[in-house]
Amino acid sequence: MEKKNELINGMCGVFDYIQKQETKIKDLKKTIEQLELKFNLLERDYNNLKEENEKLKEEDVIPPLSNVICVLCSRECENEYGNNAQPLVEGRCCDVCNEKKVIPMRVLQIRC
């Protein structure tokens, strides 16, 4: 009879343990579902932002200028857009004039 009681008590303990584990599993499943939902929302938002960013890039692209001539030395600019020649003159300048003339003038203006 004692062994029978011990066995019953042991089985009740196992049953309680199984119920607790099942409860934990249910809680984990709920957490996973919530995380999946949040992930899906974040993924949707990310994709929307990515699309908006692509649209902005397409709209904001400045087409390359062809045969940009430096207003300071009259040579063709090395890059497709040239550089802003201000404060020296209005217009575009080559990389050499930008480095040797325009940038030093800007630095002088900042110091004064």
N, C-alpha and C. Protein backbone atom coordinates (compact mmCIF):
# COMPACT_ATOMS: atom_id res chain seq x y z
N MET A 1 0.81 -1.19 0.00
CA MET A 1 0.00 0.00 0.00
C MET A 1 0.86 1.26 0.00
N GLU A 2 1.94 1.23 0.79
CA GLU A 2 2.85 2.37 0.83
C GLU A 2 3.47 2.63 -0.53
N LYS A 3 3.88 1.56 -1.19
CA LYS A 3 4.48 1.69 -2.52
C LYS A 3 3.47 2.28 -3.50
N LYS A 4 2.22 1.84 -3.33
CA LYS A 4 1.18 2.35 -4.21
C LYS A 4 1.01 3.85 -4.01
N ASN A 5 1.01 4.31 -2.74
CA ASN A 5 0.90 5.74 -2.42
C ASN A 5 2.10 6.52 -2.96
N GLU A 6 3.28 5.96 -2.79
CA GLU A 6 4.49 6.60 -3.31
C GLU A 6 4.40 6.73 -4.83
N LEU A 7 3.96 5.69 -5.47
CA LEU A 7 3.83 5.70 -6.92
C LEU A 7 2.81 6.75 -7.37
N ILE A 8 1.69 6.82 -6.66
CA ILE A 8 0.64 7.80 -6.99
C ILE A 8 1.17 9.22 -6.79
N ASN A 9 1.87 9.44 -5.66
CA ASN A 9 2.45 10.76 -5.39
C ASN A 9 3.47 11.13 -6.47
N GLY A 10 4.28 10.16 -6.84
CA GLY A 10 5.28 10.41 -7.89
C GLY A 10 4.62 10.74 -9.21
N MET A 11 3.55 10.02 -9.54
CA MET A 11 2.85 10.28 -10.79
C MET A 11 2.18 11.65 -10.76
N CYS A 12 1.65 12.05 -9.60
CA CYS A 12 1.04 13.38 -9.46
C CYS A 12 2.10 14.46 -9.67
N GLY A 13 3.28 14.22 -9.13
CA GLY A 13 4.39 15.18 -9.33
C GLY A 13 4.76 15.31 -10.80
N VAL A 14 4.81 14.17 -11.48
CA VAL A 14 5.12 14.18 -12.91
C VAL A 14 4.02 14.90 -13.67
N PHE A 15 2.77 14.64 -13.30
CA PHE A 15 1.64 15.28 -13.95
C PHE A 15 1.70 16.80 -13.76
N ASP A 16 2.01 17.26 -12.55
CA ASP A 16 2.14 18.70 -12.28
C ASP A 16 3.27 19.30 -13.12
N TYR A 17 4.38 18.59 -13.18
CA TYR A 17 5.52 19.05 -13.95
C TYR A 17 5.15 19.19 -15.43
N ILE A 18 4.43 18.21 -15.95
CA ILE A 18 4.01 18.24 -17.36
C ILE A 18 3.07 19.41 -17.61
N GLN A 19 2.14 19.65 -16.67
CA GLN A 19 1.21 20.78 -16.83
C GLN A 19 1.97 22.10 -16.84
N LYS A 20 2.97 22.25 -15.95
CA LYS A 20 3.77 23.48 -15.92
C LYS A 20 4.53 23.66 -17.23
N GLN A 21 5.08 22.57 -17.73
CA GLN A 21 5.82 22.65 -18.99
C GLN A 21 4.90 23.01 -20.15
N GLU A 22 3.70 22.44 -20.15
CA GLU A 22 2.73 22.77 -21.20
C GLU A 22 2.34 24.24 -21.14
N THR A 23 2.17 24.77 -19.92
CA THR A 23 1.85 26.19 -19.75
C THR A 23 3.00 27.05 -20.29
N LYS A 24 4.24 26.66 -19.99
CA LYS A 24 5.39 27.40 -20.50
C LYS A 24 5.44 27.35 -22.02
N ILE A 25 5.12 26.20 -22.58
CA ILE A 25 5.12 26.06 -24.04
C ILE A 25 4.06 26.96 -24.66
N LYS A 26 2.86 27.01 -24.05
CA LYS A 26 1.81 27.89 -24.56
C LYS A 26 2.25 29.35 -24.50
N ASP A 27 2.87 29.73 -23.37
CA ASP A 27 3.36 31.11 -23.23
C ASP A 27 4.42 31.42 -24.29
N LEU A 28 5.31 30.48 -24.52
CA LEU A 28 6.35 30.67 -25.53
C LEU A 28 5.74 30.79 -26.93
N LYS A 29 4.73 30.00 -27.20
CA LYS A 29 4.06 30.08 -28.51
C LYS A 29 3.41 31.45 -28.70
N LYS A 30 2.78 31.98 -27.64
CA LYS A 30 2.18 33.31 -27.71
C LYS A 30 3.26 34.36 -27.97
N THR A 31 4.37 34.23 -27.27
CA THR A 31 5.48 35.18 -27.44
C THR A 31 6.01 35.11 -28.86
N ILE A 32 6.16 33.92 -29.40
CA ILE A 32 6.64 33.75 -30.77
C ILE A 32 5.67 34.40 -31.75
N GLU A 33 4.37 34.19 -31.55
CA GLU A 33 3.37 34.79 -32.43
C GLU A 33 3.45 36.31 -32.39
N GLN A 34 3.61 36.87 -31.18
CA GLN A 34 3.72 38.32 -31.04
C GLN A 34 4.98 38.84 -31.74
N LEU A 35 6.09 38.12 -31.57
CA LEU A 35 7.34 38.53 -32.20
C LEU A 35 7.24 38.43 -33.72
N GLU A 36 6.59 37.39 -34.22
CA GLU A 36 6.40 37.26 -35.66
C GLU A 36 5.56 38.41 -36.21
N LEU A 37 4.53 38.79 -35.47
CA LEU A 37 3.69 39.91 -35.89
C LEU A 37 4.51 41.20 -35.92
N LYS A 38 5.28 41.44 -34.86
CA LYS A 38 6.12 42.64 -34.82
C LYS A 38 7.13 42.62 -35.95
N PHE A 39 7.72 41.46 -36.20
CA PHE A 39 8.70 41.34 -37.28
C PHE A 39 8.06 41.65 -38.62
N ASN A 40 6.88 41.13 -38.85
CA ASN A 40 6.18 41.38 -40.12
C ASN A 40 5.86 42.87 -40.29
N LEU A 41 5.46 43.52 -39.21
CA LEU A 41 5.19 44.96 -39.27
C LEU A 41 6.47 45.74 -39.56
N LEU A 42 7.54 45.37 -38.89
CA LEU A 42 8.82 46.04 -39.12
C LEU A 42 9.32 45.81 -40.55
N GLU A 43 9.15 44.59 -41.03
CA GLU A 43 9.57 44.27 -42.39
C GLU A 43 8.76 45.09 -43.40
N ARG A 44 7.45 45.22 -43.16
CA ARG A 44 6.60 46.02 -44.04
C ARG A 44 7.05 47.48 -44.03
N ASP A 45 7.29 48.02 -42.82
CA ASP A 45 7.75 49.41 -42.70
C ASP A 45 9.09 49.61 -43.40
N TYR A 46 9.99 48.66 -43.22
CA TYR A 46 11.30 48.73 -43.86
C TYR A 46 11.15 48.76 -45.38
N ASN A 47 10.33 47.88 -45.91
CA ASN A 47 10.13 47.83 -47.36
C ASN A 47 9.50 49.11 -47.89
N ASN A 48 8.56 49.68 -47.13
CA ASN A 48 7.96 50.95 -47.52
C ASN A 48 8.99 52.06 -47.55
N LEU A 49 9.83 52.12 -46.52
CA LEU A 49 10.87 53.14 -46.46
C LEU A 49 11.89 52.94 -47.59
N LYS A 50 12.19 51.70 -47.87
CA LYS A 50 13.13 51.40 -48.95
C LYS A 50 12.58 51.88 -50.29
N GLU A 51 11.29 51.63 -50.53
CA GLU A 51 10.65 52.09 -51.76
C GLU A 51 10.65 53.61 -51.86
N GLU A 52 10.32 54.27 -50.74
CA GLU A 52 10.32 55.73 -50.72
C GLU A 52 11.71 56.27 -50.99
N ASN A 53 12.72 55.64 -50.41
CA ASN A 53 14.10 56.06 -50.61
C ASN A 53 14.50 55.93 -52.07
N GLU A 54 14.10 54.83 -52.70
CA GLU A 54 14.41 54.63 -54.12
C GLU A 54 13.73 55.70 -54.97
N LYS A 55 12.48 56.03 -54.63
CA LYS A 55 11.77 57.07 -55.38
C LYS A 55 12.47 58.41 -55.23
N LEU A 56 12.91 58.72 -54.00
CA LEU A 56 13.62 59.98 -53.77
C LEU A 56 14.92 60.01 -54.55
N LYS A 57 15.63 58.90 -54.56
CA LYS A 57 16.89 58.85 -55.31
C LYS A 57 16.63 59.11 -56.78
N GLU A 58 15.59 58.49 -57.32
CA GLU A 58 15.27 58.67 -58.73
C GLU A 58 14.89 60.12 -59.03
N GLU A 59 14.15 60.76 -58.13
CA GLU A 59 13.70 62.13 -58.34
C GLU A 59 14.84 63.13 -58.16
N ASP A 60 15.76 62.84 -57.23
CA ASP A 60 16.80 63.79 -56.89
C ASP A 60 18.08 63.67 -57.71
N VAL A 61 18.13 62.70 -58.59
CA VAL A 61 19.35 62.51 -59.37
C VAL A 61 19.53 63.70 -60.32
N ILE A 62 20.71 64.27 -60.25
CA ILE A 62 21.04 65.37 -61.15
C ILE A 62 21.70 64.74 -62.37
N PRO A 63 21.15 64.95 -63.53
CA PRO A 63 21.76 64.34 -64.71
C PRO A 63 23.15 64.91 -64.94
N PRO A 64 24.08 64.09 -65.38
CA PRO A 64 25.43 64.59 -65.61
C PRO A 64 25.44 65.65 -66.71
N LEU A 65 26.27 66.63 -66.49
CA LEU A 65 26.43 67.66 -67.50
C LEU A 65 27.44 67.15 -68.52
N SER A 66 27.27 67.49 -69.75
CA SER A 66 28.22 67.01 -70.75
C SER A 66 29.21 68.12 -71.09
N ASN A 67 30.48 67.74 -71.19
CA ASN A 67 31.55 68.66 -71.57
C ASN A 67 31.54 69.95 -70.74
N VAL A 68 31.61 69.81 -69.43
CA VAL A 68 31.64 70.97 -68.55
C VAL A 68 33.01 71.63 -68.69
N ILE A 69 33.01 72.92 -69.01
CA ILE A 69 34.24 73.68 -69.20
C ILE A 69 34.48 74.54 -67.97
N CYS A 70 35.69 74.50 -67.47
CA CYS A 70 36.08 75.26 -66.28
C CYS A 70 36.02 76.75 -66.60
N VAL A 71 35.34 77.54 -65.75
CA VAL A 71 35.23 78.98 -65.97
C VAL A 71 36.51 79.71 -65.59
N LEU A 72 37.43 79.02 -64.93
CA LEU A 72 38.68 79.66 -64.52
C LEU A 72 39.83 79.41 -65.49
N CYS A 73 39.93 78.20 -66.04
CA CYS A 73 41.06 77.89 -66.91
C CYS A 73 40.64 77.44 -68.31
N SER A 74 39.36 77.31 -68.54
CA SER A 74 38.78 76.93 -69.84
C SER A 74 39.09 75.50 -70.27
N ARG A 75 39.56 74.67 -69.37
CA ARG A 75 39.76 73.26 -69.71
C ARG A 75 38.48 72.48 -69.41
N GLU A 76 38.38 71.28 -70.00
CA GLU A 76 37.23 70.42 -69.71
C GLU A 76 37.39 69.85 -68.31
N CYS A 77 36.29 69.84 -67.56
CA CYS A 77 36.34 69.32 -66.18
C CYS A 77 36.53 67.81 -66.17
N GLU A 78 37.27 67.34 -65.19
CA GLU A 78 37.58 65.92 -65.07
C GLU A 78 36.35 65.10 -64.70
N ASN A 79 35.51 65.65 -63.83
CA ASN A 79 34.31 64.90 -63.43
C ASN A 79 33.10 65.41 -64.20
N GLU A 80 32.05 64.67 -64.18
CA GLU A 80 30.91 64.98 -65.04
C GLU A 80 30.08 66.18 -64.60
N TYR A 81 30.30 66.67 -63.38
CA TYR A 81 29.52 67.81 -62.89
C TYR A 81 30.35 69.07 -62.72
N GLY A 82 31.65 68.95 -62.63
CA GLY A 82 32.48 70.10 -62.29
C GLY A 82 32.30 70.43 -60.82
N ASN A 83 32.88 71.53 -60.39
CA ASN A 83 32.79 71.96 -58.99
C ASN A 83 32.25 73.39 -58.95
N ASN A 84 31.61 73.75 -57.86
CA ASN A 84 31.11 75.10 -57.70
C ASN A 84 32.32 76.05 -57.58
N ALA A 85 32.39 77.04 -58.45
CA ALA A 85 33.54 77.95 -58.48
C ALA A 85 33.37 79.15 -57.55
N GLN A 86 32.27 79.23 -56.85
CA GLN A 86 32.08 80.36 -55.93
C GLN A 86 32.97 80.17 -54.71
N PRO A 87 33.55 81.16 -54.18
CA PRO A 87 33.25 82.59 -54.27
C PRO A 87 34.02 83.33 -55.35
N LEU A 88 34.85 82.64 -56.11
CA LEU A 88 35.64 83.35 -57.12
C LEU A 88 34.78 83.86 -58.27
N VAL A 89 34.02 82.97 -58.90
CA VAL A 89 33.15 83.34 -60.01
C VAL A 89 31.92 82.46 -59.99
N GLU A 90 30.93 82.85 -60.76
CA GLU A 90 29.72 82.05 -60.94
C GLU A 90 30.02 81.00 -61.99
N GLY A 91 29.66 79.74 -61.74
CA GLY A 91 29.85 78.69 -62.72
C GLY A 91 30.54 77.47 -62.14
N ARG A 92 31.05 76.62 -63.03
CA ARG A 92 31.67 75.36 -62.64
C ARG A 92 33.17 75.42 -62.94
N CYS A 93 33.95 74.75 -62.11
CA CYS A 93 35.40 74.72 -62.34
C CYS A 93 35.91 73.28 -62.27
N CYS A 94 37.11 73.07 -62.79
CA CYS A 94 37.72 71.74 -62.79
C CYS A 94 38.27 71.40 -61.41
N ASP A 95 38.67 70.16 -61.21
CA ASP A 95 39.19 69.72 -59.93
C ASP A 95 40.47 70.46 -59.55
N VAL A 96 41.32 70.74 -60.51
CA VAL A 96 42.60 71.42 -60.24
C VAL A 96 42.33 72.84 -59.74
N CYS A 97 41.51 73.60 -60.46
CA CYS A 97 41.19 74.97 -60.03
C CYS A 97 40.44 74.97 -58.70
N ASN A 98 39.60 73.99 -58.50
CA ASN A 98 38.88 73.88 -57.24
C ASN A 98 39.86 73.72 -56.09
N GLU A 99 40.85 72.84 -56.28
CA GLU A 99 41.83 72.56 -55.23
C GLU A 99 42.80 73.72 -55.03
N LYS A 100 43.26 74.32 -56.12
CA LYS A 100 44.31 75.35 -56.05
C LYS A 100 43.78 76.76 -55.82
N LYS A 101 42.56 77.04 -56.26
CA LYS A 101 42.06 78.42 -56.20
C LYS A 101 40.82 78.60 -55.33
N VAL A 102 39.80 77.76 -55.60
CA VAL A 102 38.50 77.97 -54.95
C VAL A 102 38.54 77.62 -53.46
N ILE A 103 39.03 76.44 -53.14
CA ILE A 103 39.04 76.02 -51.73
C ILE A 103 39.90 76.94 -50.87
N PRO A 104 41.12 77.34 -51.31
CA PRO A 104 41.89 78.29 -50.51
C PRO A 104 41.14 79.61 -50.26
N MET A 105 40.40 80.08 -51.27
CA MET A 105 39.65 81.31 -51.09
C MET A 105 38.53 81.13 -50.05
N ARG A 106 37.90 79.98 -50.08
CA ARG A 106 36.86 79.69 -49.08
C ARG A 106 37.45 79.66 -47.68
N VAL A 107 38.61 79.05 -47.55
CA VAL A 107 39.28 78.98 -46.24
C VAL A 107 39.62 80.38 -45.76
N LEU A 108 40.12 81.24 -46.67
CA LEU A 108 40.42 82.63 -46.31
C LEU A 108 39.17 83.36 -45.83
N GLN A 109 38.07 83.14 -46.52
CA GLN A 109 36.81 83.80 -46.13
C GLN A 109 36.36 83.36 -44.74
N ILE A 110 36.56 82.09 -44.43
CA ILE A 110 36.16 81.60 -43.12
C ILE A 110 37.01 82.21 -42.03
N ARG A 111 38.30 82.36 -42.30
CA ARG A 111 39.23 82.91 -41.30
C ARG A 111 39.01 84.38 -41.06
N CYS A 112 38.54 85.11 -42.05
CA CYS A 112 38.39 86.58 -41.92
C CYS A 112 37.10 86.96 -41.26
